[in-house]
Protein backbone atom coordinates (compact mmCIF):
# COMPACT_ATOMS: atom_id res chain seq x y z
CA MET A 1 0.10 0.00 0.05
CA ASN A 2 1.66 3.33 -1.00
CA ASN A 3 2.05 6.30 1.08
CA ASN A 4 -0.78 7.91 -1.08
CA PHE A 5 -3.74 5.68 0.20
CA TYR A 6 -5.29 8.60 2.15
CA GLU A 7 -7.14 11.18 -0.22
CA LEU A 8 -8.54 14.34 1.24
CA ILE A 9 -11.56 15.12 -0.09
CA LYS A 10 -12.92 18.07 1.92
CA GLN A 11 -11.70 20.33 4.56
CA SER A 12 -14.07 21.86 7.10
CA THR A 13 -14.34 26.00 6.83
CA GLU A 14 -15.89 26.01 10.40
CA CYS A 15 -13.11 23.75 11.96
CA GLU A 16 -10.54 21.07 11.59
CA ALA A 17 -12.87 18.59 10.57
CA ARG A 18 -12.09 16.64 7.28
CA LEU A 19 -13.91 14.20 5.11
CA GLY A 20 -11.54 11.71 3.18
CA LYS A 21 -11.14 8.66 1.86
CA LEU A 22 -8.90 5.62 2.36
CA HIS A 23 -7.82 3.52 -0.60
CA THR A 24 -7.20 -0.55 0.36
CA GLU A 25 -6.90 -3.53 -1.68
CA ARG A 26 -10.06 -4.55 0.07
CA GLY A 27 -12.23 -1.68 -0.57
CA ILE A 28 -12.44 2.42 -0.22
CA ILE A 29 -13.17 3.18 3.49
CA ASP A 30 -15.26 6.75 4.07
CA THR A 31 -13.29 8.45 6.70
CA PRO A 32 -14.22 9.71 9.66
CA VAL A 33 -14.61 6.52 10.33
CA PHE A 34 -15.78 4.10 13.77
CA MET A 35 -13.98 0.77 13.70
CA PRO A 36 -16.16 -1.78 15.66
CA VAL A 37 -13.52 -4.07 17.70
CA GLY A 38 -13.72 -7.83 16.99
CA THR A 39 -10.40 -8.51 19.46
CA TYR A 40 -10.57 -12.36 18.51
CA GLY A 41 -11.23 -11.69 14.80
CA SER A 42 -14.90 -11.34 15.08
CA ILE A 43 -17.64 -9.39 16.73
CA LYS A 44 -18.76 -10.79 19.97
CA SER A 45 -22.21 -12.23 19.36
CA VAL A 46 -22.60 -10.58 16.08
CA THR A 47 -22.39 -12.37 12.77
CA ASN A 48 -21.04 -10.55 9.53
CA ASN A 49 -24.27 -10.31 7.32
CA PHE A 50 -25.46 -8.29 10.18
CA LEU A 51 -22.03 -6.06 9.90
CA TYR A 52 -22.39 -5.87 6.19
CA ASP A 53 -26.13 -4.76 6.83
CA SER A 54 -25.11 -2.02 8.89
CA LYS A 55 -22.72 -0.91 6.63
CA VAL A 56 -19.67 -1.53 8.71
CA GLN A 57 -16.48 -0.53 6.72
CA ILE A 58 -13.82 -2.04 8.57
CA ILE A 59 -13.57 -3.74 12.02
CA LEU A 60 -10.33 -3.98 14.23
CA SER A 61 -8.80 -7.26 15.89
CA ASN A 62 -5.81 -7.79 18.23
CA SER A 63 -2.46 -9.34 17.30
CA TYR A 64 -1.65 -10.30 20.81
CA HIS A 65 -4.85 -12.73 20.89
CA LEU A 66 -4.46 -14.14 17.75
CA TYR A 67 -0.81 -14.64 18.12
CA LEU A 68 -1.87 -16.73 21.28
CA ARG A 69 -5.04 -18.63 19.68
CA PRO A 70 -5.33 -19.78 17.39
CA GLY A 71 -1.96 -19.35 16.36
CA ILE A 72 -0.16 -17.46 13.31
CA GLU A 73 0.43 -21.06 11.53
CA ILE A 74 -3.33 -21.37 11.38
CA ILE A 75 -4.23 -17.75 10.04
CA LYS A 76 -1.51 -18.06 7.19
CA LYS A 77 -2.54 -21.76 6.41
CA ALA A 78 -6.07 -20.16 6.05
CA GLY A 79 -4.74 -17.31 3.74
CA GLY A 80 -4.78 -14.51 5.99
CA ILE A 81 -7.10 -13.23 8.85
CA GLN A 82 -9.91 -12.06 6.32
CA LYS A 83 -10.10 -15.55 4.70
CA PHE A 84 -10.04 -17.12 8.12
CA ASN A 85 -12.81 -15.11 9.37
CA SER A 86 -14.89 -14.57 6.22
CA TRP A 87 -14.47 -10.59 6.48
CA ASN A 88 -14.53 -9.25 2.93
CA LYS A 89 -13.61 -6.29 3.64
CA PRO A 90 -10.56 -3.97 5.50
CA MET A 91 -9.40 -4.58 8.82
CA LEU A 92 -6.79 -3.12 11.06
CA THR A 93 -4.63 -5.31 13.79
CA ASP A 94 -3.50 -3.14 17.07
CA SER A 95 0.06 -4.66 17.75
CA GLY A 96 -0.94 -5.84 21.21
CA GLY A 97 1.15 -2.90 23.43
CA PHE A 98 -2.09 -1.92 24.77
CA GLN A 99 -2.91 -5.62 25.91
CA ALA A 100 0.51 -5.84 27.46
CA PHE A 101 -0.19 -2.89 29.48
CA SER A 102 -3.67 -4.26 30.23
CA LEU A 103 -1.99 -7.78 31.72
CA LYS A 104 -0.11 -5.51 34.44
CA ARG A 105 1.54 -8.16 36.69
CA LEU A 106 1.70 -10.59 33.91
CA LYS A 107 4.28 -8.65 31.79
CA LYS A 108 7.92 -7.26 32.15
CA SER A 109 9.30 -4.38 29.75
CA CYS A 110 12.67 -3.82 28.51
CA GLU A 111 14.59 -2.14 26.03
CA ALA A 112 14.41 -5.47 23.68
CA GLY A 113 10.58 -6.04 23.84
CA ILE A 114 7.94 -7.21 26.36
CA GLU A 115 7.91 -10.85 28.10
CA PHE A 116 4.46 -11.69 29.21
CA LYS A 117 2.77 -14.92 30.29
CA SER A 118 -0.13 -16.01 28.21
CA HIS A 119 -3.37 -15.49 29.97
CA ILE A 120 -4.75 -18.78 28.71
CA ASP A 121 -2.18 -21.10 30.01
CA GLY A 122 0.63 -19.29 31.73
CA SER A 123 3.47 -19.99 28.81
CA LYS A 124 5.93 -17.21 28.72
CA HIS A 125 6.38 -15.30 25.46
CA PHE A 126 8.53 -12.39 24.17
CA ILE A 127 7.43 -9.92 22.13
CA THR A 128 10.14 -7.52 20.31
CA PRO A 129 9.14 -4.69 17.76
CA GLU A 130 10.32 -6.87 15.11
CA LYS A 131 8.17 -10.11 16.03
CA SER A 132 4.86 -7.79 16.50
CA ILE A 133 5.44 -6.99 12.81
CA LYS A 134 6.04 -10.02 11.53
CA ILE A 135 3.15 -11.60 13.36
CA GLN A 136 0.64 -8.54 11.84
CA LYS A 137 2.05 -9.16 8.48
CA ALA A 138 1.31 -12.87 8.85
CA ILE A 139 -2.13 -11.90 10.03
CA GLY A 140 -2.63 -9.94 6.97
CA ALA A 141 -4.83 -6.87 8.07
CA ASP A 142 -4.71 -3.88 5.74
CA PHE A 143 -3.63 -1.47 8.62
CA ILE A 144 -1.31 -2.55 11.16
CA MET A 145 0.25 -0.62 14.14
CA CYS A 146 3.49 -0.15 15.46
CA PHE A 147 4.61 -1.83 18.71
CA ASP A 148 4.58 0.80 21.71
CA GLU A 149 4.36 0.86 25.57
CA CYS A 150 1.31 1.79 26.64
CA THR A 151 1.59 4.09 30.06
CA PRO A 152 -1.24 4.15 32.87
CA PHE A 153 -2.90 7.19 34.13
CA PRO A 154 -1.80 8.75 36.38
CA ILE A 155 1.84 8.63 35.63
CA ASP A 156 4.71 10.81 36.51
CA TYR A 157 6.33 13.15 33.96
CA GLU A 158 10.09 11.11 34.11
CA SER A 159 8.66 7.85 33.81
CA ALA A 160 6.27 9.10 30.82
CA LYS A 161 9.05 10.64 29.15
CA LYS A 162 11.02 7.31 29.18
CA SER A 163 8.26 5.30 28.00
CA MET A 164 7.62 7.34 25.15
CA GLU A 165 11.38 7.66 24.22
CA LEU A 166 11.46 3.96 24.22
CA SER A 167 8.21 3.56 22.07
CA LEU A 168 9.93 5.86 19.75
CA ARG A 169 13.20 3.56 19.36
CA TRP A 170 10.94 0.62 18.96
CA ALA A 171 9.21 2.69 16.08
CA LYS A 172 12.12 2.83 13.75
CA ARG A 173 12.73 -0.91 14.46
CA CYS A 174 9.39 -1.62 13.22
CA LYS A 175 9.37 0.72 10.55
CA LYS A 176 12.77 -1.14 9.07
CA GLU A 177 11.27 -4.68 9.66
CA PHE A 178 7.86 -3.58 8.16
CA TYR A 179 10.02 -2.59 4.83
CA ASN A 180 11.91 -5.94 5.00
CA ASN A 181 10.39 -7.90 2.19
CA ASN A 182 7.04 -5.78 2.43
CA ASP A 183 4.36 -6.54 -0.27
CA ASP A 184 2.73 -3.14 -0.42
CA THR A 185 -0.68 -4.46 0.46
CA GLN A 186 -0.44 -2.89 4.18
CA ALA A 187 -0.02 0.15 5.65
CA LEU A 188 1.72 0.77 8.85
CA PHE A 189 0.98 3.52 11.56
CA GLY A 190 3.52 5.06 14.20
CA ILE A 191 1.66 5.74 17.49
CA ILE A 192 2.10 9.03 19.02
CA GLN A 193 2.60 8.71 23.21
CA GLY A 194 3.46 10.95 25.95
CA SER A 195 0.55 10.47 28.35
CA ILE A 196 -1.08 13.65 29.68
CA TYR A 197 2.20 15.72 29.12
CA SER A 198 2.03 18.47 26.22
CA ASP A 199 5.46 18.65 25.62
CA LEU A 200 6.20 14.75 25.65
CA ARG A 201 3.22 14.44 22.77
CA LEU A 202 4.55 17.37 20.75
CA GLU A 203 8.16 15.83 20.99
CA SER A 204 6.57 12.16 20.23
CA VAL A 205 4.99 13.82 17.11
CA ASN A 206 7.81 15.55 15.63
CA GLU A 207 10.21 12.53 16.03
CA MET A 208 7.45 10.27 14.61
CA LEU A 209 6.88 12.67 11.69
CA ASN A 210 10.84 12.24 11.06
CA ILE A 211 10.74 8.63 11.10
CA GLY A 212 7.64 8.35 8.15
CA PHE A 213 5.08 6.48 8.23
CA ASN A 214 1.57 5.71 6.34
CA GLY A 215 -0.51 6.96 9.07
CA TYR A 216 -0.35 8.37 12.43
CA ALA A 217 -2.39 6.80 15.45
CA ILE A 218 -2.53 8.94 19.11
CA GLY A 219 -2.34 6.40 21.82
CA GLY A 220 -2.30 6.35 25.92
CA PHE A 221 -5.88 7.79 26.23
CA SER A 222 -8.88 6.14 27.39
CA VAL A 223 -6.65 4.88 30.32
CA GLY A 224 -8.46 6.81 33.24
CA GLU A 225 -7.54 10.49 32.17
CA PRO A 226 -10.15 13.45 32.26
CA LYS A 227 -11.11 13.65 28.51
CA GLU A 228 -11.90 17.55 29.02
CA LYS A 229 -9.06 18.24 31.17
CA TYR A 230 -6.41 16.52 29.23
CA ARG A 231 -7.26 14.74 26.16
CA ASN A 232 -9.13 17.78 23.98
CA PRO A 233 -6.37 20.70 25.06
CA ILE A 234 -3.49 17.84 23.92
CA LEU A 235 -5.32 16.86 20.81
CA LYS A 236 -5.80 20.66 20.04
CA LYS A 237 -2.04 20.96 19.86
CA ILE A 238 -0.88 17.97 18.47
CA VAL A 239 -3.54 17.51 15.39
CA PRO A 240 -2.30 20.32 13.66
CA ILE A 241 1.04 19.24 13.02
CA LEU A 242 -0.17 15.89 11.44
CA PRO A 243 0.24 16.11 7.95
CA LYS A 244 -2.69 16.99 5.84
CA ASN A 245 -2.36 14.00 3.43
CA LYS A 246 -2.15 11.45 6.24
CA VAL A 247 -5.01 9.53 8.10
CA ARG A 248 -5.20 10.28 11.90
CA TYR A 249 -6.42 7.61 14.40
CA LEU A 250 -7.30 8.22 17.96
CA MET A 251 -6.95 4.79 19.77
CA GLY A 252 -9.73 3.44 22.12
CA VAL A 253 -11.57 6.35 21.90
CA GLY A 254 -15.31 6.40 20.78
CA MET A 255 -18.25 7.32 22.74
CA PRO A 256 -21.01 9.09 20.83
CA GLU A 257 -19.79 12.48 22.34
CA ASP A 258 -16.18 11.87 21.77
CA LEU A 259 -16.95 11.25 17.97
CA TRP A 260 -18.28 14.79 17.19
CA ASN A 261 -15.62 16.32 19.69
CA CYS A 262 -12.54 14.75 18.13
CA VAL A 263 -13.70 14.71 14.59
CA GLU A 264 -13.94 18.67 15.12
CA LEU A 265 -10.43 18.70 15.98
CA GLY A 266 -9.44 16.50 12.96
CA ILE A 267 -9.40 12.83 13.81
CA ASP A 268 -10.34 10.45 11.17
CA MET A 269 -10.39 6.97 12.56
CA PHE A 270 -11.98 5.66 16.02
CA ASP A 271 -12.41 2.62 17.62
CA CYS A 272 -13.69 1.31 20.83
CA VAL A 273 -15.07 -1.85 22.67
CA LEU A 274 -17.72 0.14 24.59
CA PRO A 275 -20.32 -0.12 22.29
CA THR A 276 -20.63 -3.90 21.96
CA ARG A 277 -19.17 -4.52 25.64
CA ASN A 278 -21.60 -1.91 27.18
CA GLY A 279 -24.41 -3.36 24.65
CA ARG A 280 -23.87 -6.81 26.22
CA ASN A 281 -24.64 -5.15 29.64
CA GLY A 282 -27.53 -3.36 28.88
CA GLN A 283 -26.73 -0.04 27.85
CA ILE A 284 -27.83 1.22 25.25
CA PHE A 285 -27.06 4.30 22.87
CA THR A 286 -29.52 6.32 21.06
CA ASN A 287 -30.47 9.73 19.53
CA PHE A 288 -32.14 10.69 22.72
CA GLY A 289 -29.38 9.68 24.91
CA LYS A 290 -28.15 6.33 26.84
CA LEU A 291 -30.64 3.97 28.47
CA ASN A 292 -30.22 0.78 30.62
CA ILE A 293 -32.41 -1.72 29.28
CA LYS A 294 -32.16 -3.49 32.52
CA ASN A 295 -33.86 -0.92 34.46
CA SER A 296 -37.70 -1.91 35.53
CA ASN A 297 -39.38 0.99 33.94
CA PHE A 298 -38.62 -0.78 30.52
CA LYS A 299 -40.92 -3.86 31.82
CA SER A 300 -43.95 -2.69 29.86
CA ASP A 301 -42.61 -0.22 27.25
CA PHE A 302 -43.33 -1.40 23.82
CA THR A 303 -41.98 1.41 22.04
CA THR A 304 -38.47 0.85 19.99
CA LEU A 305 -35.07 1.35 21.61
CA ASP A 306 -34.92 4.51 18.93
CA SER A 307 -37.62 5.93 16.97
CA ASN A 308 -34.88 7.40 14.66
CA CYS A 309 -33.02 3.92 14.27
CA ASN A 310 -34.10 1.19 11.49
CA CYS A 311 -31.58 -1.42 12.41
CA TYR A 312 -32.58 -4.97 12.76
CA THR A 313 -33.41 -4.89 16.43
CA CYS A 314 -35.44 -1.34 16.40
CA SER A 315 -37.46 -2.67 13.46
CA ASN A 316 -38.23 -6.14 15.24
CA TYR A 317 -38.46 -5.79 19.00
CA SER A 318 -39.90 -3.45 21.84
CA ARG A 319 -38.04 -2.41 24.57
CA ALA A 320 -40.20 -4.58 27.22
CA PHE A 321 -38.92 -7.75 24.98
CA LEU A 322 -35.32 -6.69 25.26
CA HIS A 323 -35.80 -6.01 28.95
CA TYR A 324 -37.29 -9.24 29.41
CA LEU A 325 -34.39 -11.26 27.48
CA ILE A 326 -31.42 -9.74 29.24
CA LYS A 327 -32.92 -10.19 32.54
CA SER A 328 -33.69 -13.70 31.85
CA LYS A 329 -29.85 -13.86 30.47
CA GLU A 330 -30.90 -14.96 27.22
CA ILE A 331 -27.96 -14.84 24.52
CA LEU A 332 -30.39 -13.37 22.13
CA ALA A 333 -30.25 -10.23 24.26
CA LEU A 334 -26.21 -9.89 23.47
CA THR A 335 -26.73 -10.19 19.67
CA LEU A 336 -29.77 -7.72 19.38
CA LEU A 337 -28.23 -5.03 21.68
CA SER A 338 -24.80 -5.32 20.40
CA LEU A 339 -26.07 -4.97 17.04
CA HIS A 340 -28.33 -2.00 17.54
CA ASN A 341 -25.08 -0.23 19.38
CA ILE A 342 -22.96 -1.07 16.32
CA ARG A 343 -25.59 0.26 13.84
CA PHE A 344 -25.78 3.53 16.01
CA MET A 345 -22.21 4.27 15.58
CA ILE A 346 -22.38 3.59 11.81
CA ASP A 347 -25.11 5.56 11.48
CA LEU A 348 -23.51 8.26 13.45
CA MET A 349 -20.58 8.67 11.24
CA SER A 350 -22.71 8.89 8.37
CA LYS A 351 -24.46 11.76 9.51
CA ILE A 352 -21.30 13.18 10.52
CA ARG A 353 -19.84 12.79 7.14
CA GLU A 354 -23.03 14.52 5.64
CA SER A 355 -22.80 17.36 7.53
CA LEU A 356 -19.42 17.74 6.59
CA ARG A 357 -20.34 17.43 2.85
CA ASN A 358 -23.37 20.15 3.42
CA ASN A 359 -21.41 22.34 5.58
CA THR A 360 -23.34 21.98 8.40
CA PHE A 361 -21.19 20.05 10.83
CA LEU A 362 -21.05 22.49 13.71
CA LYS A 363 -24.91 23.05 13.60
CA THR A 364 -25.59 19.17 13.14
CA LYS A 365 -23.20 18.61 16.21
CA ASN A 366 -24.79 20.97 18.40
CA SER A 367 -28.35 19.78 17.48
CA PHE A 368 -26.93 16.11 18.17
CA LEU A 369 -25.90 16.80 21.53
CA GLU A 370 -28.47 18.79 22.71
CA LYS A 371 -30.97 15.85 22.36
CA TYR A 372 -28.25 13.47 23.32
CA TYR A 373 -27.44 15.16 26.38
CA LEU A 374 -31.51 15.95 27.37
CA ASN A 375 -31.93 12.49 28.89
CA ASN A 376 -28.28 11.92 30.43
CA LYS A 377 -28.23 14.97 32.85
């Protein structure tokens, strides 16, 4: 995949928001875009046909989990991840750095890489930046990520600086390995780190630009930091520095309000586990705010989840029936609620893109958030 796979279609005159396209071997992706997370190569409890019907353009999977099970050799024998999971559209794989961070007691990092114990059987593994790239190449996703060290929140300045500098050294090694026998069908993203410290983030951006990548991701958020105090001020400083002709990906951020606010700042790609994870636990996103379908007031509510949604769930089932399913621990509830939340997020991104085409982004954003927050005060 060449360096020009991102095409800037339109820059908003109101703010930093922009409309674009990602050109891949498996199709064109309209941006801004939200990626549902299928950690193990599939979206939990949701089949591909529902994802196609919901107009999902790309999904994310995690190389750490796929490496442990089913194993890279199985995926290679299948012909790559998209043949293995029968998903005939683009995919992105996370390098596993965040999973190593989340393992906490099970991992140990050093200059060479990260040693960890499998959460499955306790076996020991050692992942270097080079091995992470080899794993992701073998998996075969369209977009792959540099191996980085994700820092927790809170973290002191010196520790954040040391970690950020380690991620930069790893990024250089990742790029070198990536272009070793590269088949030009994948794109490599560098990941900007630096925690909540603006000067570290700026240093990370500038060094990443010097190394040079197909796209740029911003990592290390959604780890407990107060978003309004740290996330948006930092994004306002670093996003304008990123090249106009390269895609920008904010990792792990994707609540409905985040999508509007971060698109406004110039972000193109998002992923988040919360729409499906929260859906499986009864929290539903609607155009009129979030609701918890487990609450007893839905027991005899025979309206749909969202009157503005025509997903399979909203077209066929009432709130009362969905309340009954989830209270009964019926497996079907997981599918129906996840499906609605995915469709909501995909429709929301479509609405955002349409507002950019029509030069009404800020007006549409304010109108949406006014209704969305009305029932969530």
